[in-house]
Structure formats: C-alpha cells, structure tokens
Amino acid sequence: MKSWAKRHWPRLRLRTILFATLFVVAALPGVGAVGLRVYENTLVRQTEAELVAQGAVLAATAALLWPAAPPGRVVAGLSGPDGHDAPDSGIDLSTTPILPERPAAAAAAAAAAGAGMAADAVAAARRLAPVATATRAETLAAITLLDRAGIGPDGSYAALPEVAAALHGRSATVLRRNGAYRAVYRFEWLSRAAAIRVHHARPIVVNGRVVGVLLLSRSARALFKGLYEDRGKIALGIVLIFGTLVLLSGLLSRGIARPIEALGAATRAVASGRGEVPPAPATAAIEIQGLYADFAIMADAIERRSRYLRDFAHAVSHEFKTPLAGIRGALELLAEHGDTMSPDERHRFLANADADADRLALLVTRLLDLARADMGTGGDGQADVAAVAHRVADAERGAGFAIEVAVPAGLSARIDAATLEAVLAGLLANSRQAGAASATIVAAREGAGVAVRVSDTGPGIPMADRGRVFEPFFTTRRTTGGTGLGLPIAASLLDAHGGSLVLEQGAGAVFLVRLR
C-alpha cells in the first residue's frame, strides 16, 4: 500500500498541504460531534434532564395531593442525603444498552393477574390529572401514575427495571426502542437516537415510604432537527472557523510557502548565473530566514569557487603553453634542419626540450599536490610541534643556511605530523632559495591553538607582490624553476586541518602558521 501510494501521490503545493491540514484539524471537532455522537448524546441527556425535572415537580405535587399525605411536608425520594433523590445522569449512547420497546398494556395486565390500582393511587391520579394534562401538552411527554405495586390504569408495570428501581425508592432512566418511529429526514439513519425513547421512573414518597411511581417517557430531539434549530449558531461557527483558517493559511503562506518559492526562484537564477540570493522576507519563519542565510553563503562560496576555477584554468593553460611551445619549436627545428645542424646545436635544442619537459612534469606533480591539498578533509592526529620543527630544521640545514628552533617541549597541535612537516619544509626551502642566510622557527600556545612563526634574514617579499603570494602559479623565480604552487599548497593543507597561513610584516619573509 505504501508503494502504491507513492506511485499515485499527487503533486501538491505547500500552501495546499497547509490549508488542507488546517481544514481537517478544524473539521475534526464537528466530525467528532456527529461521528462520535457527542452532539446527539447531549440531546439525549438534555431530554433526560427535562424528564427528571418534570418528574421531580409532578412527584412532589402527587405527594401533596395523596390522600394520606400530611399537609405542608413533601419528601421527593429516599436514596439521596436527607431523603432527597438527586440522581446523576448515566445515559450514554455509546455504553447504555437500548432495551426493547415497553410492553403493551394488555401484556402488563395479564402479568398482574387482573389486579387493579389501589384506591389512594386512583384518587391521587384524579387530582393530578389537570396538572399532568397541562404538562403533557407543553412537553409532549407521556406521563403515567402507578400505585405502590407498580400497577397503572391499564395494568402492571412492576416487571420493568426502571419501575422496580423506583418502587425501591431510587429514580431510574433507561433507553428503549420506539416502535412508533418513522424516518422523516433522508439521512436520519445516521442518528442512533432517532428510534429510541427516554423512560424515567420516579418514586412518590409519603410519610417516608413509597406510595406510587411516576413513569414518564419522551423521544429525544432528533439530531437533524437539533442541527436545524441551531443552524444560526452552527453557521456562525463555520464562518468563524473558515475565516480563521484563511487567516492562518495566509500567515503560514507568508511565513513558509512564499519565502520558499522565492528562494527556489532565486536559486534557479543563481544557477544560471543571472542573480543572487535576496535577503530573507521579514515575515519568514526563523528557520526559513536561516535557510536564506545558508543559501547566500553557499551561493557566495560557489561563486568564489567558480572564479577560482576560471582563474586556475587560465593560469594552467598559460603555464603549460610556454614549455609546450618550446618543445614544439625545438622538434620543428630538428625536423626541418636537423641534418644541417652541428652536433652542438642539436644537443642545445634537445637540452632545451628536455628542460621544458622537466618543467611540465614538475607542474603536473605540483598540481596533483595542490588538488590533494584542496580535497583534503584533515584528520584527528596530534603532532608534537617541537619534534617536527627540530626534524625539519635538521633536514633543511646546509652550508650557508642556519636554522634556529625555539619551540617549548610538549607543545602539540591537532594536525598530523607529516602535513606539518611538509608545510614547514616548504617555507624553509623558500627561504633558502630566496638567498636567506638563516631562518627561525618560533612556536607558542595562542588561546586554544598554537602559533608557529617562520622568519628568515632574506630580502623579503616586495610590497607589490605581497597580495599575490598565495595565488597559484605566481612566482618571482620562474627562471630558476619556481612553479608558484608551494605557498598555495601549504595554505590548502593547513585549511584542511582547520589552520591558516598568513604573511606578516618583518625585515625578511615572516609567515605565521596557526594550528588548532
């Protein structure tokens, strides 16, 4: 089913999903009110409450009108505190059983073996008749007075559970089928309460004992009739809910959907090279604003990388063009005039071609080193800075070139030893090739990291060239074999390990290596 849903899932806009979600959430209370019978249950309980109120009044009236009743004192029931009955509603359409229709009068009379109502009950019923008739006309409830044995004008009802409870002094309410029910509304089959009647039995108490039972019944207000009668309130609620949905959808659209659509359009423009990521809208959510900032950083990084690649490709083509042209020219001269050249001339042309080929090989090697440095991800190694510095100094010392190391013992940095050794060796080699007589390596703890300064006594770097020393292929020693890739490779290696390489002011060349 999950695979089928994925294949057939429609493409939806974010604002459509947001509105549909809000609409479903807003509709859930209404669906629950009808589907879970909350509203219908309320109608049934309202009917029960009305019958209880009517029963209390009529039972009290019947007690006053009872022939043996003392004047001026009425006790409505026996089950509550101080003799008063105040039953809680126990009717629930989901849990209360629906009993069969109340037995017909003939069946009740046969069960009572022909016994008739007690004389006091008949007298009380006669006195109560005008009140019961007026009440019945107003409330449409069926009202029957039974004597102390549960016998009414048309027979005995003592076998009914609600009457039996009332004869024992407890009011009782039950739900029964309504045999006279006929559907009126087209969708009335959705209502469970339409075909039932609420039956309520209440004891009549005189002188502390049950002398009779008042039996009342009425159909609950129909679900659809109740909805129709409350149509104004329901319509107003729907309008308010729908208006709230529209307002919330607008807020979510401005906070989420519109900014994402604008960001998508800006991203496509950036990809085509004709735009940039705009500032985040003020109404956008904080996460969306963060997304705008991240996309702007990414777009700027992509643009810098693109410029770097363009410049790099141009520099590579320029660096390769010169030795290739030299090799091609030497081969053409040898091919055209080789027979007429002297051995010394042929040897000179071949030596030039060989030198150009060596330069090409060196360029390729250094380019591979630069690519590895650019693609490096660093590591979790720990390097002993003092040990690495002394090892590099021992390897680079030579005739006419002295190296002094001032690094405290035990100083370590988060970089693998081979990388740090390659960086320091490259800086010292540059110093020696620039004609410096000596160099110094000084290291110390700097905050949470380590700072290593490599300085020399050479002529230094001219001010005009200081801003370009980290550009690939920029070199002032091209005639002596310089490729201009040493410093860029060192900077890339350090960057991959979270460090940096900076050129500082000084008498000679001073480079600051920062390590984590």
Protein backbone atom coordinates (compact mmCIF):
# COMPACT_ATOMS: atom_id res chain seq x y z
CA MET A 1 0.00 0.00 0.00
CA LYS A 2 2.88 2.36 0.74
CA SER A 3 4.41 1.71 -2.69
CA TRP A 4 1.04 2.19 -4.38
CA ALA A 5 0.50 5.47 -2.51
CA LYS A 6 3.94 6.72 -3.60
CA ARG A 7 3.17 5.95 -7.24
CA HIS A 8 -0.21 7.67 -7.18
CA TRP A 9 0.54 10.52 -4.78
CA PRO A 10 -0.44 13.83 -6.43
CA ARG A 11 1.92 16.76 -6.66
CA LEU A 12 0.68 19.34 -4.17
CA ARG A 13 1.79 22.85 -3.38
CA LEU A 14 2.94 23.55 0.15
CA ARG A 15 0.16 26.08 0.70
CA THR A 16 -2.39 23.44 -0.39
CA ILE A 17 -0.98 20.96 2.14
CA LEU A 18 -1.03 23.61 4.88
CA PHE A 19 -4.63 24.63 4.16
CA ALA A 20 -5.81 21.01 3.89
CA THR A 21 -4.13 20.17 7.20
CA LEU A 22 -5.71 23.13 8.95
CA PHE A 23 -9.10 22.35 7.40
CA VAL A 24 -9.01 18.73 8.55
CA VAL A 25 -7.92 19.75 12.05
CA ALA A 26 -10.70 22.35 12.23
CA ALA A 27 -13.27 19.85 10.96
CA LEU A 28 -12.33 17.15 13.47
CA PRO A 29 -14.47 18.58 16.31
CA GLY A 30 -17.51 18.67 14.02
CA VAL A 31 -16.84 15.16 12.76
CA GLY A 32 -16.37 14.00 16.34
CA ALA A 33 -19.57 15.72 17.44
CA VAL A 34 -21.58 13.78 14.85
CA GLY A 35 -19.47 10.64 14.31
CA LEU A 36 -18.76 10.06 17.99
CA ARG A 37 -22.35 11.06 18.90
CA VAL A 38 -21.19 13.88 21.16
CA TYR A 39 -23.89 16.29 19.97
CA GLU A 40 -26.53 13.56 19.79
CA ASN A 41 -25.59 12.34 23.26
CA THR A 42 -26.08 15.88 24.51
CA LEU A 43 -29.60 15.94 23.04
CA VAL A 44 -30.48 12.66 24.79
CA ARG A 45 -29.08 13.85 28.11
CA GLN A 46 -30.99 17.11 27.71
CA THR A 47 -34.19 15.08 27.27
CA GLU A 48 -33.33 13.06 30.36
CA ALA A 49 -32.72 16.22 32.37
CA GLU A 50 -36.09 17.61 31.30
CA LEU A 51 -37.85 14.39 32.28
CA VAL A 52 -36.05 14.37 35.64
CA ALA A 53 -37.15 17.97 36.30
CA GLN A 54 -40.74 17.24 35.28
CA GLY A 55 -40.76 14.06 37.33
CA ALA A 56 -39.49 15.90 40.42
CA VAL A 57 -42.23 18.53 40.17
CA LEU A 58 -45.01 16.08 39.38
CA ALA A 59 -43.89 13.61 42.09
CA ALA A 60 -43.85 16.40 44.66
CA THR A 61 -47.29 17.52 43.50
CA ALA A 62 -48.63 13.97 43.65
CA ALA A 63 -47.23 13.57 47.17
CA LEU A 64 -49.09 16.70 48.27
CA LEU A 65 -52.30 15.53 46.62
CA TRP A 66 -52.03 11.97 48.01
CA PRO A 67 -54.95 11.19 50.35
CA ALA A 68 -52.72 10.12 53.27
CA ALA A 69 -50.20 12.93 52.87
CA PRO A 70 -49.65 15.22 55.89
CA PRO A 71 -50.21 18.87 54.98
CA GLY A 72 -47.18 21.02 54.13
CA ARG A 73 -44.40 18.36 54.02
CA VAL A 74 -43.08 16.59 50.95
CA VAL A 75 -40.13 14.14 50.58
CA ALA A 76 -39.32 13.56 46.90
CA GLY A 77 -37.26 10.37 47.28
CA LEU A 78 -35.41 8.00 49.56
CA SER A 79 -31.97 7.43 48.02
CA GLY A 80 -30.25 10.79 48.50
CA PRO A 81 -28.97 12.54 51.63
CA ASP A 82 -31.69 13.80 53.93
CA GLY A 83 -34.13 11.66 51.99
CA HIS A 84 -33.82 13.66 48.78
CA ASP A 85 -33.15 11.93 45.44
CA ALA A 86 -30.71 13.76 43.11
CA PRO A 87 -29.60 11.15 40.53
CA ASP A 88 -26.64 11.79 38.23
CA SER A 89 -27.10 11.25 34.52
CA GLY A 90 -25.88 7.84 33.47
CA ILE A 91 -27.21 7.90 29.91
CA ASP A 92 -24.59 7.46 27.17
CA LEU A 93 -25.45 6.35 23.63
CA SER A 94 -22.11 4.54 23.33
CA THR A 95 -22.42 2.45 26.51
CA THR A 96 -26.05 2.45 27.69
CA PRO A 97 -27.94 -0.60 26.37
CA ILE A 98 -31.06 0.01 24.26
CA LEU A 99 -33.89 -2.03 25.79
CA PRO A 100 -36.83 -3.43 23.80
CA GLU A 101 -39.95 -1.39 23.39
CA ARG A 102 -42.05 -1.08 26.56
CA PRO A 103 -44.54 -3.98 26.81
CA ALA A 104 -48.09 -3.26 25.70
CA ALA A 105 -50.83 -2.63 28.27
CA ALA A 106 -52.56 -5.96 27.65
CA ALA A 107 -49.39 -7.91 28.38
CA ALA A 108 -48.88 -5.92 31.57
CA ALA A 109 -52.45 -6.55 32.72
CA ALA A 110 -52.10 -10.29 32.14
CA ALA A 111 -48.89 -10.34 34.14
CA ALA A 112 -50.66 -8.60 37.02
CA ALA A 113 -53.35 -11.31 37.14
CA GLY A 114 -56.07 -8.75 36.74
CA ALA A 115 -55.27 -6.72 39.83
CA GLY A 116 -56.36 -3.05 39.75
CA MET A 117 -54.85 0.20 41.10
CA ALA A 118 -55.02 0.98 44.78
CA ALA A 119 -57.81 3.36 45.77
CA ASP A 120 -55.46 6.06 47.08
CA ALA A 121 -53.48 5.97 43.82
CA VAL A 122 -56.70 6.33 41.78
CA ALA A 123 -57.74 9.32 43.91
CA ALA A 124 -54.30 10.94 43.56
CA ALA A 125 -54.30 10.32 39.81
CA ARG A 126 -57.68 12.02 39.51
CA ARG A 127 -56.43 15.09 41.42
CA LEU A 128 -53.14 15.17 39.43
CA ALA A 129 -54.81 14.77 36.04
CA PRO A 130 -55.19 18.53 35.24
CA VAL A 131 -51.53 19.19 36.07
CA ALA A 132 -50.37 16.14 34.10
CA THR A 133 -52.51 17.13 31.10
CA ALA A 134 -51.10 20.66 31.03
CA THR A 135 -47.56 19.34 31.40
CA ARG A 136 -48.08 16.76 28.64
CA ALA A 137 -49.42 19.37 26.25
CA GLU A 138 -46.39 21.58 26.81
CA THR A 139 -43.58 18.98 26.92
CA LEU A 140 -45.10 16.20 24.73
CA ALA A 141 -44.03 13.68 27.39
CA ALA A 142 -46.10 10.55 28.22
CA ILE A 143 -46.99 10.62 31.95
CA THR A 144 -48.40 7.62 33.86
CA LEU A 145 -49.11 7.30 37.60
CA LEU A 146 -48.60 3.84 39.17
CA ASP A 147 -49.52 2.67 42.66
CA ARG A 148 -47.21 1.13 45.27
CA ALA A 149 -47.38 -2.21 43.41
CA GLY A 150 -46.44 -0.72 40.05
CA ILE A 151 -49.96 -1.03 38.65
CA GLY A 152 -51.36 1.67 36.42
CA PRO A 153 -54.71 2.36 34.76
CA ASP A 154 -54.03 -0.22 32.03
CA GLY A 155 -52.14 -2.89 34.04
CA SER A 156 -48.95 -3.68 35.89
CA TYR A 157 -45.50 -2.30 35.02
CA ALA A 158 -43.76 -3.72 38.07
CA ALA A 159 -41.57 -6.01 35.93
CA LEU A 160 -39.88 -3.09 34.18
CA PRO A 161 -36.39 -2.43 35.61
CA GLU A 162 -36.91 1.31 35.88
CA VAL A 163 -40.23 0.82 37.74
CA ALA A 164 -38.68 -1.80 40.03
CA ALA A 165 -35.93 0.67 40.93
CA ALA A 166 -38.47 3.40 41.65
CA LEU A 167 -40.53 1.04 43.86
CA HIS A 168 -37.37 0.63 45.94
CA GLY A 169 -37.03 4.39 46.29
CA ARG A 170 -34.49 5.09 43.50
CA SER A 171 -35.14 7.16 40.39
CA ALA A 172 -34.06 5.40 37.19
CA THR A 173 -33.69 6.31 33.50
CA VAL A 174 -33.45 3.80 30.63
CA LEU A 175 -33.43 3.89 26.84
CA ARG A 176 -35.99 1.83 24.90
CA ARG A 177 -36.83 1.23 21.29
CA ASN A 178 -39.57 3.42 19.86
CA GLY A 179 -41.96 1.21 17.92
CA ALA A 180 -43.86 4.20 16.54
CA TYR A 181 -40.78 5.74 14.96
CA ARG A 182 -40.89 6.56 11.23
CA ALA A 183 -37.97 8.21 9.42
CA VAL A 184 -38.64 11.82 8.41
CA TYR A 185 -35.26 13.05 7.15
CA ARG A 186 -33.28 11.46 4.32
CA PHE A 187 -30.13 10.96 6.39
CA GLU A 188 -31.87 10.13 9.64
CA TRP A 189 -30.39 6.63 9.52
CA LEU A 190 -27.14 8.27 10.69
CA SER A 191 -28.81 9.07 14.02
CA ARG A 192 -28.85 6.34 16.65
CA ALA A 193 -31.14 8.30 18.98
CA ALA A 194 -33.90 8.84 16.42
CA ALA A 195 -35.58 5.46 17.06
CA ILE A 196 -35.40 5.44 20.88
CA ARG A 197 -37.36 6.94 23.76
CA VAL A 198 -36.07 8.03 27.12
CA HIS A 199 -38.02 6.45 30.00
CA HIS A 200 -37.77 7.89 33.53
CA ALA A 201 -39.38 6.43 36.67
CA ARG A 202 -39.56 8.42 39.91
CA PRO A 203 -40.91 7.29 43.28
CA ILE A 204 -43.68 9.18 45.09
CA VAL A 205 -42.92 9.21 48.82
CA VAL A 206 -45.45 9.94 51.55
CA ASN A 207 -44.65 9.58 55.25
CA GLY A 208 -41.25 8.08 54.44
CA ARG A 209 -42.47 5.24 52.23
CA VAL A 210 -43.07 4.75 48.51
CA VAL A 211 -46.79 5.01 47.76
CA GLY A 212 -46.53 5.22 43.97
CA VAL A 213 -44.36 5.72 40.91
CA LEU A 214 -44.47 8.41 38.28
CA LEU A 215 -43.49 6.99 34.87
CA LEU A 216 -42.52 9.49 32.16
CA SER A 217 -41.20 8.95 28.63
CA ARG A 218 -40.37 11.11 25.65
CA SER A 219 -38.43 10.91 22.40
CA ALA A 220 -35.21 12.88 22.30
CA ARG A 221 -34.94 15.81 19.95
CA ALA A 222 -33.89 14.49 16.52
CA LEU A 223 -30.27 15.07 15.51
CA PHE A 224 -31.08 16.83 12.26
CA LYS A 225 -33.90 18.78 13.84
CA GLY A 226 -31.49 19.87 16.55
CA LEU A 227 -28.95 20.90 13.91
CA TYR A 228 -31.67 22.79 12.04
CA GLU A 229 -32.81 24.59 15.17
CA ASP A 230 -29.19 25.54 15.96
CA ARG A 231 -28.41 26.38 12.34
CA GLY A 232 -27.63 30.02 13.10
CA LYS A 233 -25.03 29.18 15.74
CA ILE A 234 -23.57 26.38 13.62
CA ALA A 235 -23.37 28.62 10.53
CA LEU A 236 -21.71 31.38 12.55
CA GLY A 237 -19.22 28.85 13.95
CA ILE A 238 -18.42 27.56 10.45
CA VAL A 239 -17.88 31.10 9.15
CA LEU A 240 -15.62 31.98 12.08
CA ILE A 241 -13.64 28.75 11.73
CA PHE A 242 -13.27 29.19 7.97
CA GLY A 243 -12.21 32.81 8.41
CA THR A 244 -9.65 31.72 10.99
CA LEU A 245 -8.42 29.06 8.56
CA VAL A 246 -7.98 31.64 5.82
CA LEU A 247 -6.10 33.94 8.20
CA LEU A 248 -3.84 31.15 9.48
CA SER A 249 -3.23 29.93 5.92
CA GLY A 250 -2.21 33.44 4.92
CA LEU A 251 0.19 33.70 7.86
CA LEU A 252 1.70 30.29 7.09
CA SER A 253 1.92 31.17 3.40
CA ARG A 254 3.81 34.38 4.18
CA GLY A 255 5.95 32.67 6.79
CA ILE A 256 6.75 29.45 4.90
CA ALA A 257 5.32 28.91 1.41
CA ARG A 258 6.07 32.26 -0.24
CA PRO A 259 9.64 32.56 1.12
CA ILE A 260 10.41 29.01 -0.04
CA GLU A 261 9.02 29.76 -3.52
CA ALA A 262 11.06 32.97 -3.68
CA LEU A 263 14.16 31.10 -2.52
CA GLY A 264 13.60 28.46 -5.21
CA ALA A 265 13.35 31.14 -7.90
CA ALA A 266 16.50 32.87 -6.59
CA THR A 267 18.36 29.55 -6.54
CA ARG A 268 17.48 28.89 -10.17
CA ALA A 269 18.66 32.40 -11.06
CA VAL A 270 21.95 31.83 -9.22
CA ALA A 271 22.42 28.51 -11.00
CA SER A 272 22.02 30.24 -14.36
CA GLY A 273 24.49 32.95 -13.32
CA ARG A 274 21.96 35.78 -13.59
CA GLY A 275 21.05 36.53 -9.98
CA GLU A 276 21.80 36.31 -6.30
CA VAL A 277 20.01 35.16 -3.16
CA PRO A 278 17.87 38.07 -1.86
CA PRO A 279 17.53 38.97 1.84
CA ALA A 280 15.02 36.84 3.74
CA PRO A 281 11.49 38.33 3.99
CA ALA A 282 10.72 39.83 7.38
CA THR A 283 7.59 37.64 7.69
CA ALA A 284 9.52 34.40 7.08
CA ALA A 285 9.93 31.91 9.91
CA ILE A 286 13.25 31.92 11.76
CA GLU A 287 14.20 28.57 10.20
CA ILE A 288 13.40 29.91 6.71
CA GLN A 289 15.49 33.03 7.38
CA GLY A 290 18.33 30.75 8.43
CA LEU A 291 17.85 28.82 5.19
CA TYR A 292 18.15 32.07 3.22
CA ALA A 293 21.40 32.87 5.04
CA ASP A 294 22.77 29.37 4.38
CA PHE A 295 21.85 29.60 0.67
CA ALA A 296 23.51 33.02 0.42
CA ILE A 297 26.70 31.62 1.98
CA MET A 298 26.56 28.64 -0.38
CA ALA A 299 25.98 30.86 -3.43
CA ASP A 300 28.91 33.08 -2.42
CA ALA A 301 31.14 30.04 -1.93
CA ILE A 302 30.09 28.64 -5.31
CA GLU A 303 30.81 32.00 -6.97
CA ARG A 304 34.26 32.19 -5.33
CA ARG A 305 34.99 28.62 -6.36
CA SER A 306 33.86 29.32 -9.91
CA ARG A 307 36.13 32.35 -10.14
CA TYR A 308 38.96 30.30 -8.66
CA LEU A 309 38.45 27.55 -11.22
CA ARG A 310 38.28 30.03 -14.10
CA ASP A 311 41.44 31.77 -12.99
CA PHE A 312 43.09 28.44 -12.24
CA ALA A 313 42.26 27.07 -15.70
CA HIS A 314 43.59 30.23 -17.30
CA ALA A 315 46.81 30.03 -15.26
CA VAL A 316 47.28 26.33 -16.03
CA SER A 317 46.85 26.90 -19.74
CA HIS A 318 49.34 29.79 -19.61
CA GLU A 319 51.89 27.80 -17.58
CA PHE A 320 51.65 24.79 -19.89
CA LYS A 321 51.68 26.83 -23.07
CA THR A 322 55.26 28.14 -22.68
CA PRO A 323 57.10 24.79 -22.22
CA LEU A 324 54.88 23.12 -24.81
CA ALA A 325 55.68 25.86 -27.30
CA GLY A 326 59.40 25.44 -26.54
CA ILE A 327 59.23 21.65 -27.07
CA ARG A 328 57.18 22.05 -30.25
CA GLY A 329 59.63 24.67 -31.64
CA ALA A 330 62.67 22.51 -30.88
CA LEU A 331 61.07 19.47 -32.55
CA GLU A 332 60.13 21.50 -35.65
CA LEU A 333 63.66 22.91 -35.99
CA LEU A 334 65.19 19.47 -35.57
CA ALA A 335 62.78 18.01 -38.10
CA GLU A 336 63.46 20.71 -40.71
CA HIS A 337 67.13 21.46 -40.15
CA GLY A 338 68.45 18.53 -38.17
CA ASP A 339 70.62 17.27 -40.99
CA THR A 340 72.35 20.61 -41.43
CA MET A 341 72.84 21.33 -37.72
CA SER A 342 76.07 20.76 -35.91
CA PRO A 343 76.16 18.27 -33.05
CA ASP A 344 76.39 21.15 -30.55
CA GLU A 345 73.29 22.84 -31.99
CA ARG A 346 71.28 19.61 -31.91
CA HIS A 347 72.39 18.97 -28.34
CA ARG A 348 71.36 22.53 -27.33
CA PHE A 349 67.87 22.17 -28.84
CA LEU A 350 67.38 18.74 -27.27
CA ALA A 351 68.56 20.08 -23.88
CA ASN A 352 66.01 22.94 -24.13
CA ALA A 353 63.21 20.48 -24.98
CA ASP A 354 64.26 18.25 -22.10
CA ALA A 355 64.24 21.22 -19.68
CA ASP A 356 60.75 22.19 -20.85
CA ALA A 357 59.57 18.59 -20.40
CA ASP A 358 61.02 18.54 -16.87
CA ARG A 359 59.13 21.75 -16.10
CA LEU A 360 55.90 20.20 -17.40
CA ALA A 361 56.47 17.12 -15.22
CA LEU A 362 57.12 19.35 -12.19
CA LEU A 363 53.98 21.37 -12.90
CA VAL A 364 51.87 18.21 -13.14
CA THR A 365 53.32 16.89 -9.87
CA ARG A 366 52.70 20.16 -8.05
CA LEU A 367 49.15 20.39 -9.48
CA LEU A 368 48.41 16.92 -8.11
CA ASP A 369 49.78 18.03 -4.73
CA LEU A 370 47.54 21.12 -4.84
CA ALA A 371 44.49 19.01 -5.76
CA ARG A 372 45.15 16.63 -2.87
CA ALA A 373 45.55 19.59 -0.52
CA ASP A 374 42.33 21.24 -1.75
CA MET A 375 40.39 17.98 -1.41
CA GLY A 376 41.86 17.08 1.97
CA THR A 377 39.48 16.75 4.94
CA GLY A 378 42.06 16.85 7.70
CA GLY A 379 42.27 14.31 10.48
CA ASP A 380 42.28 13.80 14.20
CA GLY A 381 46.04 13.37 14.54
CA GLN A 382 48.15 15.14 17.17
CA ALA A 383 51.57 16.43 16.18
CA ASP A 384 54.44 17.19 18.57
CA VAL A 385 55.35 20.64 17.22
CA ALA A 386 58.81 20.69 18.83
CA ALA A 387 59.76 17.27 17.44
CA VAL A 388 58.53 18.16 13.94
CA ALA A 389 60.32 21.53 13.95
CA HIS A 390 63.66 20.01 15.02
CA ARG A 391 63.32 17.24 12.43
CA VAL A 392 62.64 19.71 9.60
CA ALA A 393 65.46 22.02 10.76
CA ASP A 394 67.95 19.13 10.72
CA ALA A 395 66.90 18.18 7.20
CA GLU A 396 66.99 21.71 5.75
CA ARG A 397 70.23 22.96 7.32
CA GLY A 398 73.14 23.23 4.95
CA ALA A 399 76.22 25.18 4.02
CA GLY A 400 75.48 28.86 4.44
CA PHE A 401 71.97 28.33 5.81
CA ALA A 402 71.38 28.15 9.58
CA ILE A 403 68.09 27.34 11.29
CA GLU A 404 67.23 28.16 14.92
CA VAL A 405 64.30 26.44 16.67
CA ALA A 406 62.56 27.93 19.74
CA VAL A 407 59.64 25.63 20.50
CA PRO A 408 58.75 24.55 24.06
CA ALA A 409 58.78 20.82 24.67
CA GLY A 410 55.44 19.09 24.85
CA LEU A 411 53.65 21.61 22.64
CA SER A 412 51.14 19.73 20.45
CA ALA A 413 48.55 20.70 17.83
CA ARG A 414 45.63 18.95 16.09
CA ILE A 415 47.35 18.15 12.79
CA ASP A 416 49.15 15.08 11.57
CA ALA A 417 52.93 15.31 11.76
CA ALA A 418 53.51 14.64 8.03
CA THR A 419 51.38 17.63 6.99
CA LEU A 420 53.04 20.00 9.46
CA GLU A 421 56.44 18.75 8.33
CA ALA A 422 55.58 19.38 4.67
CA VAL A 423 54.43 22.94 5.42
CA LEU A 424 57.48 23.89 7.48
CA ALA A 425 59.86 22.26 4.97
CA GLY A 426 58.28 24.22 2.12
CA LEU A 427 58.63 27.54 3.97
CA LEU A 428 62.29 26.87 4.85
CA ALA A 429 63.04 25.78 1.28
CA ASN A 430 61.61 29.08 0.02
CA SER A 431 63.83 30.99 2.47
CA ARG A 432 66.96 29.17 1.35
CA GLN A 433 66.12 29.64 -2.36
CA ALA A 434 65.50 33.37 -1.75
CA GLY A 435 69.08 33.74 -0.53
CA ALA A 436 68.48 33.98 3.23
CA ALA A 437 71.43 33.20 5.45
CA SER A 438 69.36 31.94 8.36
CA ALA A 439 65.79 31.18 9.46
CA THR A 440 63.99 30.89 12.80
CA ILE A 441 61.09 28.70 13.92
CA VAL A 442 59.29 30.04 16.99
CA ALA A 443 56.13 28.44 18.41
CA ALA A 444 53.89 29.17 21.38
CA ARG A 445 50.41 28.49 22.72
CA GLU A 446 47.88 31.05 21.42
CA GLY A 447 44.47 30.74 23.04
CA ALA A 448 43.11 27.27 22.31
CA GLY A 449 45.56 26.76 19.42
CA VAL A 450 49.23 27.02 18.52
CA ALA A 451 51.02 29.80 16.60
CA VAL A 452 54.22 28.94 14.68
CA ARG A 453 56.27 31.77 13.09
CA VAL A 454 58.83 31.02 10.41
CA SER A 455 61.04 34.03 9.62
CA ASP A 456 64.28 34.48 7.67
CA THR A 457 67.00 37.07 7.02
CA GLY A 458 66.43 37.20 3.28
CA PRO A 459 65.37 40.15 1.15
CA GLY A 460 61.71 39.58 2.00
CA ILE A 461 58.76 39.89 -0.36
CA PRO A 462 58.25 43.20 -2.22
CA MET A 463 55.13 45.15 -1.22
CA ALA A 464 53.77 44.92 -4.76
CA ASP A 465 53.84 41.11 -4.59
CA ARG A 466 52.63 40.54 -1.02
CA GLY A 467 48.95 40.36 -2.00
CA ARG A 468 49.59 37.66 -4.62
CA VAL A 469 51.94 35.22 -2.91
CA PHE A 470 49.11 32.72 -2.28
CA GLU A 471 47.82 32.82 -5.88
CA PRO A 472 48.54 29.60 -7.79
CA PHE A 473 51.41 29.94 -10.33
CA PHE A 474 52.50 33.38 -9.08
CA THR A 475 56.30 33.29 -8.62
CA THR A 476 59.27 35.62 -8.89
CA ARG A 477 61.64 32.70 -9.57
CA ARG A 478 60.22 31.37 -12.80
CA THR A 479 63.62 31.46 -14.48
CA THR A 480 65.11 29.28 -11.72
CA GLY A 481 62.36 26.64 -11.83
CA GLY A 482 59.77 28.11 -9.46
CA THR A 483 56.19 26.94 -10.08
CA GLY A 484 54.30 29.34 -7.79
CA LEU A 485 52.43 26.43 -6.18
CA GLY A 486 54.36 25.93 -2.94
CA LEU A 487 52.56 28.51 -0.79
CA PRO A 488 49.07 27.70 -2.18
CA ILE A 489 49.67 24.01 -1.41
CA ALA A 490 50.80 24.83 2.15
CA ALA A 491 47.77 27.11 2.71
CA SER A 492 45.38 24.42 1.41
CA LEU A 493 46.93 21.75 3.63
CA LEU A 494 46.55 23.94 6.71
CA ASP A 495 42.99 24.94 5.78
CA ALA A 496 42.01 21.26 5.51
CA HIS A 497 43.18 20.80 9.12
CA GLY A 498 41.42 23.90 10.42
CA GLY A 499 44.56 26.05 10.37
CA SER A 500 45.78 29.00 8.32
CA LEU A 501 48.89 30.54 6.76
CA VAL A 502 49.41 34.32 6.92
CA LEU A 503 52.19 36.57 5.61
CA GLU A 504 53.29 39.09 8.28
CA GLN A 505 55.37 42.24 8.18
CA GLY A 506 59.05 41.86 9.01
CA ALA A 507 62.64 42.50 7.98
CA GLY A 508 62.68 39.35 5.86
CA ALA A 509 59.87 36.95 4.99
CA VAL A 510 57.71 36.18 8.06
CA PHE A 511 54.94 33.56 7.84
CA LEU A 512 52.53 32.79 10.66
CA VAL A 513 51.15 29.24 10.83
CA ARG A 514 48.05 28.94 13.04
CA LEU A 515 47.08 25.48 14.23
CA ARG A 516 44.17 24.24 16.32
